[in-house]
PDB file of all heavy atoms in Angstrom:
ATOM      1  N   PRO A   1       5.752   2.122   9.508  1.00  0.00           N
ATOM      2  CA  PRO A   1       5.047   1.518   8.371  1.00  0.00           C
ATOM      3  C   PRO A   1       3.677   0.983   8.824  1.00  0.00           C
ATOM      4  O   PRO A   1       3.485   0.632   9.979  1.00  0.00           O
ATOM      5  CB  PRO A   1       5.932   0.384   7.931  1.00  0.00           C
ATOM      6  CG  PRO A   1       6.825   0.094   9.092  1.00  0.00           C
ATOM      7  CD  PRO A   1       6.936   1.344   9.879  1.00  0.00           C
ATOM      8  N   VAL A   2       2.740   0.956   7.868  1.00  0.00           N
ATOM      9  CA  VAL A   2       1.349   0.535   8.140  1.00  0.00           C
ATOM     10  C   VAL A   2       1.058  -0.719   7.340  1.00  0.00           C
ATOM     11  O   VAL A   2       1.390  -0.791   6.157  1.00  0.00           O
ATOM     12  CB  VAL A   2       0.364   1.657   7.814  1.00  0.00           C
ATOM     13  CG1 VAL A   2      -1.080   1.197   7.944  1.00  0.00           C
ATOM     14  CG2 VAL A   2       0.606   2.883   8.668  1.00  0.00           C
ATOM     15  N   SER A   3       0.442  -1.684   7.994  1.00  0.00           N
ATOM     16  CA  SER A   3      -0.002  -2.890   7.305  1.00  0.00           C
ATOM     17  C   SER A   3      -1.205  -2.557   6.434  1.00  0.00           C
ATOM     18  O   SER A   3      -2.212  -2.081   6.955  1.00  0.00           O
ATOM     19  CB  SER A   3      -0.400  -3.949   8.395  1.00  0.00           C
ATOM     20  OG  SER A   3      -1.023  -5.025   7.781  1.00  0.00           O
ATOM     21  N   VAL A   4      -1.112  -2.855   5.151  1.00  0.00           N
ATOM     22  CA  VAL A   4      -2.169  -2.475   4.212  1.00  0.00           C
ATOM     23  C   VAL A   4      -2.592  -3.713   3.431  1.00  0.00           C
ATOM     24  O   VAL A   4      -1.751  -4.411   2.824  1.00  0.00           O
ATOM     25  CB  VAL A   4      -1.687  -1.382   3.233  1.00  0.00           C
ATOM     26  CG1 VAL A   4      -2.737  -1.103   2.178  1.00  0.00           C
ATOM     27  CG2 VAL A   4      -1.328  -0.131   3.985  1.00  0.00           C
ATOM     28  N   PRO A   5      -3.889  -4.066   3.396  1.00  0.00           N
ATOM     29  CA  PRO A   5      -4.345  -5.198   2.588  1.00  0.00           C
ATOM     30  C   PRO A   5      -4.214  -4.816   1.097  1.00  0.00           C
ATOM     31  O   PRO A   5      -4.438  -3.659   0.718  1.00  0.00           O
ATOM     32  CB  PRO A   5      -5.814  -5.354   2.983  1.00  0.00           C
ATOM     33  CG  PRO A   5      -6.213  -4.067   3.523  1.00  0.00           C
ATOM     34  CD  PRO A   5      -5.005  -3.424   4.124  1.00  0.00           C
ATOM     35  N   ILE A   6      -3.832  -5.798   0.292  1.00  0.00           N
ATOM     36  CA  ILE A   6      -3.661  -5.568  -1.142  1.00  0.00           C
ATOM     37  C   ILE A   6      -4.415  -6.622  -1.932  1.00  0.00           C
ATOM     38  O   ILE A   6      -4.794  -7.675  -1.378  1.00  0.00           O
ATOM     39  CB  ILE A   6      -2.185  -5.538  -1.545  1.00  0.00           C
ATOM     40  CG1 ILE A   6      -1.504  -6.877  -1.238  1.00  0.00           C
ATOM     41  CG2 ILE A   6      -1.439  -4.401  -0.851  1.00  0.00           C
ATOM     42  CD1 ILE A   6      -0.088  -7.001  -1.761  1.00  0.00           C
ATOM     43  N   ALA A   7      -4.586  -6.360  -3.219  1.00  0.00           N
ATOM     44  CA  ALA A   7      -5.239  -7.302  -4.117  1.00  0.00           C
ATOM     45  C   ALA A   7      -4.195  -8.280  -4.662  1.00  0.00           C
ATOM     46  O   ALA A   7      -2.990  -7.966  -4.650  1.00  0.00           O
ATOM     47  CB  ALA A   7      -5.921  -6.567  -5.261  1.00  0.00           C
ATOM     48  N   TRP A   8      -4.635  -9.432  -5.138  1.00  0.00           N
ATOM     49  CA  TRP A   8      -3.702 -10.440  -5.649  1.00  0.00           C
ATOM     50  C   TRP A   8      -2.800  -9.877  -6.732  1.00  0.00           C
ATOM     51  O   TRP A   8      -1.594 -10.179  -6.762  1.00  0.00           O
ATOM     52  CB  TRP A   8      -4.478 -11.644  -6.180  1.00  0.00           C
ATOM     53  CG  TRP A   8      -5.017 -12.500  -5.109  1.00  0.00           C
ATOM     54  CD1 TRP A   8      -6.324 -12.637  -4.766  1.00  0.00           C
ATOM     55  CD2 TRP A   8      -4.288 -13.356  -4.226  1.00  0.00           C
ATOM     56  NE1 TRP A   8      -6.458 -13.524  -3.706  1.00  0.00           N
ATOM     57  CE2 TRP A   8      -5.195 -13.976  -3.362  1.00  0.00           C
ATOM     58  CE3 TRP A   8      -2.930 -13.641  -4.076  1.00  0.00           C
ATOM     59  CZ2 TRP A   8      -4.821 -14.869  -2.368  1.00  0.00           C
ATOM     60  CZ3 TRP A   8      -2.572 -14.546  -3.056  1.00  0.00           C
ATOM     61  CH2 TRP A   8      -3.494 -15.132  -2.256  1.00  0.00           C
ATOM     62  N   ASP A   9      -3.340  -9.075  -7.643  1.00  0.00           N
ATOM     63  CA  ASP A   9      -2.528  -8.564  -8.749  1.00  0.00           C
ATOM     64  C   ASP A   9      -1.437  -7.588  -8.308  1.00  0.00           C
ATOM     65  O   ASP A   9      -0.481  -7.389  -9.005  1.00  0.00           O
ATOM     66  CB  ASP A   9      -3.386  -7.958  -9.829  1.00  0.00           C
ATOM     67  CG  ASP A   9      -4.218  -6.756  -9.355  1.00  0.00           C
ATOM     68  OD1 ASP A   9      -4.478  -6.661  -8.140  1.00  0.00           O
ATOM     69  OD2 ASP A   9      -4.605  -5.930 -10.218  1.00  0.00           O
ATOM     70  N   GLU A  10      -1.571  -7.043  -7.109  1.00  0.00           N
ATOM     71  CA  GLU A  10      -0.561  -6.139  -6.602  1.00  0.00           C
ATOM     72  C   GLU A  10       0.710  -6.868  -6.114  1.00  0.00           C
ATOM     73  O   GLU A  10       1.749  -6.252  -5.897  1.00  0.00           O
ATOM     74  CB  GLU A  10      -1.119  -5.307  -5.455  1.00  0.00           C
ATOM     75  CG  GLU A  10      -2.221  -4.333  -5.918  1.00  0.00           C
ATOM     76  CD  GLU A  10      -2.778  -3.563  -4.768  1.00  0.00           C
ATOM     77  OE1 GLU A  10      -2.205  -2.514  -4.415  1.00  0.00           O
ATOM     78  OE2 GLU A  10      -3.781  -4.037  -4.161  1.00  0.00           O
ATOM     79  N   LEU A  11       0.629  -8.176  -5.964  1.00  0.00           N
ATOM     80  CA  LEU A  11       1.799  -8.940  -5.524  1.00  0.00           C
ATOM     81  C   LEU A  11       2.932  -8.911  -6.544  1.00  0.00           C
ATOM     82  O   LEU A  11       4.097  -9.128  -6.219  1.00  0.00           O
ATOM     83  CB  LEU A  11       1.398 -10.397  -5.237  1.00  0.00           C
ATOM     84  CG  LEU A  11       0.536 -10.601  -4.024  1.00  0.00           C
ATOM     85  CD1 LEU A  11       0.060 -12.041  -3.954  1.00  0.00           C
ATOM     86  CD2 LEU A  11       1.243 -10.158  -2.762  1.00  0.00           C
ATOM     87  N   ASP A  12       2.594  -8.616  -7.829  1.00  0.00           N
ATOM     88  CA  ASP A  12       3.602  -8.558  -8.877  1.00  0.00           C
ATOM     89  C   ASP A  12       4.298  -7.197  -8.963  1.00  0.00           C
ATOM     90  O   ASP A  12       5.223  -7.008  -9.742  1.00  0.00           O
ATOM     91  CB  ASP A  12       2.967  -8.875 -10.226  1.00  0.00           C
ATOM     92  CG  ASP A  12       2.458 -10.301 -10.302  1.00  0.00           C
ATOM     93  OD1 ASP A  12       3.087 -11.169  -9.667  1.00  0.00           O
ATOM     94  OD2 ASP A  12       1.477 -10.541 -11.007  1.00  0.00           O
ATOM     95  N   ASP A  13       3.883  -6.233  -8.165  1.00  0.00           N
ATOM     96  CA  ASP A  13       4.412  -4.878  -8.217  1.00  0.00           C
ATOM     97  C   ASP A  13       5.871  -4.905  -7.715  1.00  0.00           C
ATOM     98  O   ASP A  13       6.147  -5.290  -6.563  1.00  0.00           O
ATOM     99  CB  ASP A  13       3.589  -3.960  -7.326  1.00  0.00           C
ATOM    100  CG  ASP A  13       4.014  -2.505  -7.385  1.00  0.00           C
ATOM    101  OD1 ASP A  13       5.127  -2.189  -7.858  1.00  0.00           O
ATOM    102  OD2 ASP A  13       3.204  -1.652  -6.974  1.00  0.00           O
ATOM    103  N   PRO A  14       6.848  -4.492  -8.524  1.00  0.00           N
ATOM    104  CA  PRO A  14       8.259  -4.521  -8.110  1.00  0.00           C
ATOM    105  C   PRO A  14       8.566  -3.551  -6.964  1.00  0.00           C
ATOM    106  O   PRO A  14       9.586  -3.692  -6.282  1.00  0.00           O
ATOM    107  CB  PRO A  14       9.017  -4.142  -9.376  1.00  0.00           C
ATOM    108  CG  PRO A  14       8.044  -3.459 -10.243  1.00  0.00           C
ATOM    109  CD  PRO A  14       6.704  -4.012  -9.910  1.00  0.00           C
ATOM    110  N   GLU A  15       7.687  -2.561  -6.741  1.00  0.00           N
ATOM    111  CA  GLU A  15       7.906  -1.605  -5.667  1.00  0.00           C
ATOM    112  C   GLU A  15       7.263  -2.038  -4.351  1.00  0.00           C
ATOM    113  O   GLU A  15       7.347  -1.340  -3.349  1.00  0.00           O
ATOM    114  CB  GLU A  15       7.364  -0.231  -6.057  1.00  0.00           C
ATOM    115  CG  GLU A  15       8.123   0.399  -7.213  1.00  0.00           C
ATOM    116  CD  GLU A  15       7.615   1.772  -7.543  1.00  0.00           C
ATOM    117  OE1 GLU A  15       7.020   2.439  -6.643  1.00  0.00           O
ATOM    118  OE2 GLU A  15       7.740   2.190  -8.695  1.00  0.00           O
ATOM    119  N   LEU A  16       6.635  -3.216  -4.321  1.00  0.00           N
ATOM    120  CA  LEU A  16       5.972  -3.689  -3.134  1.00  0.00           C
ATOM    121  C   LEU A  16       6.992  -4.043  -2.069  1.00  0.00           C
ATOM    122  O   LEU A  16       7.897  -4.837  -2.291  1.00  0.00           O
ATOM    123  CB  LEU A  16       5.092  -4.916  -3.443  1.00  0.00           C
ATOM    124  CG  LEU A  16       4.286  -5.464  -2.294  1.00  0.00           C
ATOM    125  CD1 LEU A  16       3.299  -4.445  -1.789  1.00  0.00           C
ATOM    126  CD2 LEU A  16       3.561  -6.723  -2.758  1.00  0.00           C
ATOM    127  N   ARG A  17       6.846  -3.422  -0.905  1.00  0.00           N
ATOM    128  CA  ARG A  17       7.712  -3.687   0.258  1.00  0.00           C
ATOM    129  C   ARG A  17       6.848  -3.639   1.517  1.00  0.00           C
ATOM    130  O   ARG A  17       5.809  -2.992   1.514  1.00  0.00           O
ATOM    131  CB  ARG A  17       8.829  -2.635   0.369  1.00  0.00           C
ATOM    132  CG  ARG A  17       9.748  -2.499  -0.785  1.00  0.00           C
ATOM    133  CD  ARG A  17      10.834  -1.453  -0.510  1.00  0.00           C
ATOM    134  NE  ARG A  17      10.393  -0.295   0.211  1.00  0.00           N
ATOM    135  CZ  ARG A  17       9.869   0.821  -0.318  1.00  0.00           C
ATOM    136  NH1 ARG A  17       9.679   0.897  -1.594  1.00  0.00           N
ATOM    137  NH2 ARG A  17       9.533   1.829   0.441  1.00  0.00           N
ATOM    138  N   SER A  18       7.324  -4.234   2.580  1.00  0.00           N
ATOM    139  CA  SER A  18       6.520  -4.228   3.835  1.00  0.00           C
ATOM    140  C   SER A  18       6.445  -2.813   4.430  1.00  0.00           C
ATOM    141  O   SER A  18       5.556  -2.575   5.254  1.00  0.00           O
ATOM    142  CB  SER A  18       7.129  -5.209   4.829  1.00  0.00           C
ATOM    143  OG  SER A  18       8.455  -4.826   5.163  1.00  0.00           O
ATOM    144  N   ASP A  19       7.355  -1.931   4.051  1.00  0.00           N
ATOM    145  CA  ASP A  19       7.319  -0.573   4.586  1.00  0.00           C
ATOM    146  C   ASP A  19       6.928   0.466   3.531  1.00  0.00           C
ATOM    147  O   ASP A  19       7.198   1.640   3.660  1.00  0.00           O
ATOM    148  CB  ASP A  19       8.689  -0.196   5.169  1.00  0.00           C
ATOM    149  CG  ASP A  19       9.799  -0.173   4.133  1.00  0.00           C
ATOM    150  OD1 ASP A  19       9.579  -0.641   2.972  1.00  0.00           O
ATOM    151  OD2 ASP A  19      10.896   0.279   4.442  1.00  0.00           O
ATOM    152  N   ARG A  20       6.222   0.017   2.488  1.00  0.00           N
ATOM    153  CA  ARG A  20       5.828   0.894   1.396  1.00  0.00           C
ATOM    154  C   ARG A  20       4.915   2.047   1.864  1.00  0.00           C
ATOM    155  O   ARG A  20       5.045   3.170   1.394  1.00  0.00           O
ATOM    156  CB  ARG A  20       5.158   0.121   0.283  1.00  0.00           C
ATOM    157  CG  ARG A  20       4.762   0.968  -0.903  1.00  0.00           C
ATOM    158  CD  ARG A  20       4.304   0.112  -2.031  1.00  0.00           C
ATOM    159  NE  ARG A  20       3.963   0.938  -3.190  1.00  0.00           N
ATOM    160  CZ  ARG A  20       3.536   0.453  -4.312  1.00  0.00           C
ATOM    161  NH1 ARG A  20       3.422  -0.858  -4.479  1.00  0.00           N
ATOM    162  NH2 ARG A  20       3.265   1.221  -5.317  1.00  0.00           N
ATOM    163  N   TRP A  21       3.968   1.758   2.759  1.00  0.00           N
ATOM    164  CA  TRP A  21       3.065   2.778   3.246  1.00  0.00           C
ATOM    165  C   TRP A  21       3.363   3.030   4.738  1.00  0.00           C
ATOM    166  O   TRP A  21       3.673   2.107   5.489  1.00  0.00           O
ATOM    167  CB  TRP A  21       1.601   2.357   3.062  1.00  0.00           C
ATOM    168  CG  TRP A  21       1.262   2.223   1.617  1.00  0.00           C
ATOM    169  CD1 TRP A  21       0.984   3.250   0.747  1.00  0.00           C
ATOM    170  CD2 TRP A  21       1.161   1.021   0.873  1.00  0.00           C
ATOM    171  NE1 TRP A  21       0.734   2.737  -0.492  1.00  0.00           N
ATOM    172  CE2 TRP A  21       0.841   1.386  -0.466  1.00  0.00           C
ATOM    173  CE3 TRP A  21       1.334  -0.288   1.152  1.00  0.00           C
ATOM    174  CZ2 TRP A  21       0.646   0.442  -1.464  1.00  0.00           C
ATOM    175  CZ3 TRP A  21       1.169  -1.224   0.162  1.00  0.00           C
ATOM    176  CH2 TRP A  21       0.835  -0.844  -1.122  1.00  0.00           C
ATOM    177  N   ASN A  22       3.168   4.252   5.160  1.00  0.00           N
ATOM    178  CA  ASN A  22       3.411   4.591   6.580  1.00  0.00           C
ATOM    179  C   ASN A  22       2.282   5.529   7.023  1.00  0.00           C
ATOM    180  O   ASN A  22       1.393   5.865   6.269  1.00  0.00           O
ATOM    181  CB  ASN A  22       4.801   5.196   6.771  1.00  0.00           C
ATOM    182  CG  ASN A  22       4.980   6.480   5.983  1.00  0.00           C
ATOM    183  OD1 ASN A  22       4.152   7.389   6.049  1.00  0.00           O
ATOM    184  ND2 ASN A  22       6.062   6.579   5.254  1.00  0.00           N
ATOM    185  N   VAL A  23       2.386   5.940   8.304  1.00  0.00           N
ATOM    186  CA  VAL A  23       1.323   6.773   8.883  1.00  0.00           C
ATOM    187  C   VAL A  23       1.186   8.112   8.166  1.00  0.00           C
ATOM    188  O   VAL A  23       0.147   8.752   8.271  1.00  0.00           O
ATOM    189  CB  VAL A  23       1.482   6.988  10.388  1.00  0.00           C
ATOM    190  CG1 VAL A  23       1.345   5.681  11.143  1.00  0.00           C
ATOM    191  CG2 VAL A  23       2.802   7.647  10.709  1.00  0.00           C
ATOM    192  N   GLY A  24       2.229   8.525   7.441  1.00  0.00           N
ATOM    193  CA  GLY A  24       2.163   9.783   6.740  1.00  0.00           C
ATOM    194  C   GLY A  24       1.495   9.746   5.377  1.00  0.00           C
ATOM    195  O   GLY A  24       1.031  10.743   4.880  1.00  0.00           O
ATOM    196  N   ASP A  25       1.415   8.551   4.774  1.00  0.00           N
ATOM    197  CA  ASP A  25       0.835   8.497   3.399  1.00  0.00           C
ATOM    198  C   ASP A  25      -0.282   7.457   3.218  1.00  0.00           C
ATOM    199  O   ASP A  25      -0.864   7.380   2.151  1.00  0.00           O
ATOM    200  CB  ASP A  25       1.953   8.228   2.373  1.00  0.00           C
ATOM    201  CG  ASP A  25       2.696   6.950   2.593  1.00  0.00           C
ATOM    202  OD1 ASP A  25       2.249   6.075   3.353  1.00  0.00           O
ATOM    203  OD2 ASP A  25       3.783   6.817   2.014  1.00  0.00           O
ATOM    204  N   VAL A  26      -0.602   6.699   4.235  1.00  0.00           N
ATOM    205  CA  VAL A  26      -1.636   5.667   4.069  1.00  0.00           C
ATOM    206  C   VAL A  26      -3.008   6.264   3.777  1.00  0.00           C
ATOM    207  O   VAL A  26      -3.807   5.706   3.033  1.00  0.00           O
ATOM    208  CB  VAL A  26      -1.679   4.701   5.282  1.00  0.00           C
ATOM    209  CG1 VAL A  26      -2.252   5.350   6.500  1.00  0.00           C
ATOM    210  CG2 VAL A  26      -2.432   3.433   4.924  1.00  0.00           C
ATOM    211  N   PHE A  27      -3.304   7.473   4.304  1.00  0.00           N
ATOM    212  CA  PHE A  27      -4.607   8.084   4.036  1.00  0.00           C
ATOM    213  C   PHE A  27      -4.713   8.546   2.593  1.00  0.00           C
ATOM    214  O   PHE A  27      -5.790   8.481   1.990  1.00  0.00           O
ATOM    215  CB  PHE A  27      -4.873   9.221   5.024  1.00  0.00           C
ATOM    216  CG  PHE A  27      -5.080   8.734   6.443  1.00  0.00           C
ATOM    217  CD1 PHE A  27      -4.108   8.915   7.387  1.00  0.00           C
ATOM    218  CD2 PHE A  27      -6.224   8.034   6.758  1.00  0.00           C
ATOM    219  CE1 PHE A  27      -4.267   8.429   8.675  1.00  0.00           C
ATOM    220  CE2 PHE A  27      -6.419   7.549   8.062  1.00  0.00           C
ATOM    221  CZ  PHE A  27      -5.438   7.767   8.987  1.00  0.00           C
ATOM    222  N   GLU A  28      -3.613   8.979   2.000  1.00  0.00           N
ATOM    223  CA  GLU A  28      -3.607   9.290   0.573  1.00  0.00           C
ATOM    224  C   GLU A  28      -3.879   8.052  -0.256  1.00  0.00           C
ATOM    225  O   GLU A  28      -4.583   8.107  -1.270  1.00  0.00           O
ATOM    226  CB  GLU A  28      -2.311   9.961   0.154  1.00  0.00           C
ATOM    227  CG  GLU A  28      -2.144  11.375   0.671  1.00  0.00           C
ATOM    228  CD  GLU A  28      -3.235  12.317   0.211  1.00  0.00           C
ATOM    229  OE1 GLU A  28      -3.618  12.263  -0.985  1.00  0.00           O
ATOM    230  OE2 GLU A  28      -3.749  13.080   1.047  1.00  0.00           O
ATOM    231  N   LEU A  29      -3.322   6.946   0.155  1.00  0.00           N
ATOM    232  CA  LEU A  29      -3.550   5.685  -0.539  1.00  0.00           C
ATOM    233  C   LEU A  29      -5.050   5.355  -0.517  1.00  0.00           C
ATOM    234  O   LEU A  29      -5.613   4.978  -1.550  1.00  0.00           O
ATOM    235  CB  LEU A  29      -2.767   4.525   0.091  1.00  0.00           C
ATOM    236  CG  LEU A  29      -3.116   3.148  -0.366  1.00  0.00           C
ATOM    237  CD1 LEU A  29      -2.638   2.921  -1.794  1.00  0.00           C
ATOM    238  CD2 LEU A  29      -2.565   2.095   0.577  1.00  0.00           C
ATOM    239  N   LEU A  30      -5.671   5.498   0.636  1.00  0.00           N
ATOM    240  CA  LEU A  30      -7.094   5.170   0.746  1.00  0.00           C
ATOM    241  C   LEU A  30      -7.968   6.111  -0.049  1.00  0.00           C
ATOM    242  O   LEU A  30      -9.054   5.736  -0.509  1.00  0.00           O
ATOM    243  CB  LEU A  30      -7.528   5.164   2.231  1.00  0.00           C
ATOM    244  CG  LEU A  30      -6.968   3.990   3.031  1.00  0.00           C
ATOM    245  CD1 LEU A  30      -7.300   4.169   4.520  1.00  0.00           C
ATOM    246  CD2 LEU A  30      -7.482   2.678   2.501  1.00  0.00           C
ATOM    247  N   LYS A  31      -7.551   7.330  -0.264  1.00  0.00           N
ATOM    248  CA  LYS A  31      -8.292   8.292  -1.109  1.00  0.00           C
ATOM    249  C   LYS A  31      -8.210   7.902  -2.584  1.00  0.00           C
ATOM    250  O   LYS A  31      -9.145   8.150  -3.341  1.00  0.00           O
ATOM    251  CB  LYS A  31      -7.765   9.698  -0.933  1.00  0.00           C
ATOM    252  CG  LYS A  31      -8.138  10.323   0.392  1.00  0.00           C
ATOM    253  CD  LYS A  31      -7.535  11.728   0.477  1.00  0.00           C
ATOM    254  CE  LYS A  31      -7.689  12.339   1.828  1.00  0.00           C
ATOM    255  NZ  LYS A  31      -7.040  13.665   1.915  1.00  0.00           N
ATOM    256  N   SER A  32      -7.084   7.288  -2.982  1.00  0.00           N
ATOM    257  CA  SER A  32      -6.856   7.020  -4.400  1.00  0.00           C
ATOM    258  C   SER A  32      -7.250   5.613  -4.804  1.00  0.00           C
ATOM    259  O   SER A  32      -7.315   5.298  -6.001  1.00  0.00           O
ATOM    260  CB  SER A  32      -5.387   7.252  -4.730  1.00  0.00           C
ATOM    261  OG  SER A  32      -4.572   6.329  -4.043  1.00  0.00           O
ATOM    262  N   THR A  33      -7.490   4.721  -3.856  1.00  0.00           N
ATOM    263  CA  THR A  33      -7.881   3.331  -4.213  1.00  0.00           C
ATOM    264  C   THR A  33      -9.070   2.927  -3.350  1.00  0.00           C
ATOM    265  O   THR A  33      -9.386   3.559  -2.384  1.00  0.00           O
ATOM    266  CB  THR A  33      -6.725   2.368  -3.914  1.00  0.00           C
ATOM    267  OG1 THR A  33      -6.426   2.373  -2.531  1.00  0.00           O
ATOM    268  CG2 THR A  33      -5.500   2.671  -4.699  1.00  0.00           C
ATOM    269  N   SER A  34      -9.668   1.837  -3.747  1.00  0.00           N
ATOM    270  CA  SER A  34     -10.793   1.349  -2.914  1.00  0.00           C
ATOM    271  C   SER A  34     -10.228   0.399  -1.839  1.00  0.00           C
ATOM    272  O   SER A  34      -9.270  -0.299  -2.053  1.00  0.00           O
ATOM    273  CB  SER A  34     -11.799   0.598  -3.785  1.00  0.00           C
ATOM    274  OG  SER A  34     -11.220  -0.531  -4.387  1.00  0.00           O
TER     275      SER A  34
END
């Protein structure tokens, strides 16, 4: 899993977990969000 900074409003996301992003998908996250 990869440590990813999030915005305050993302804290309410029910899918938020410490292992939500990993080395296989974190780059896709960065392409889709700022």
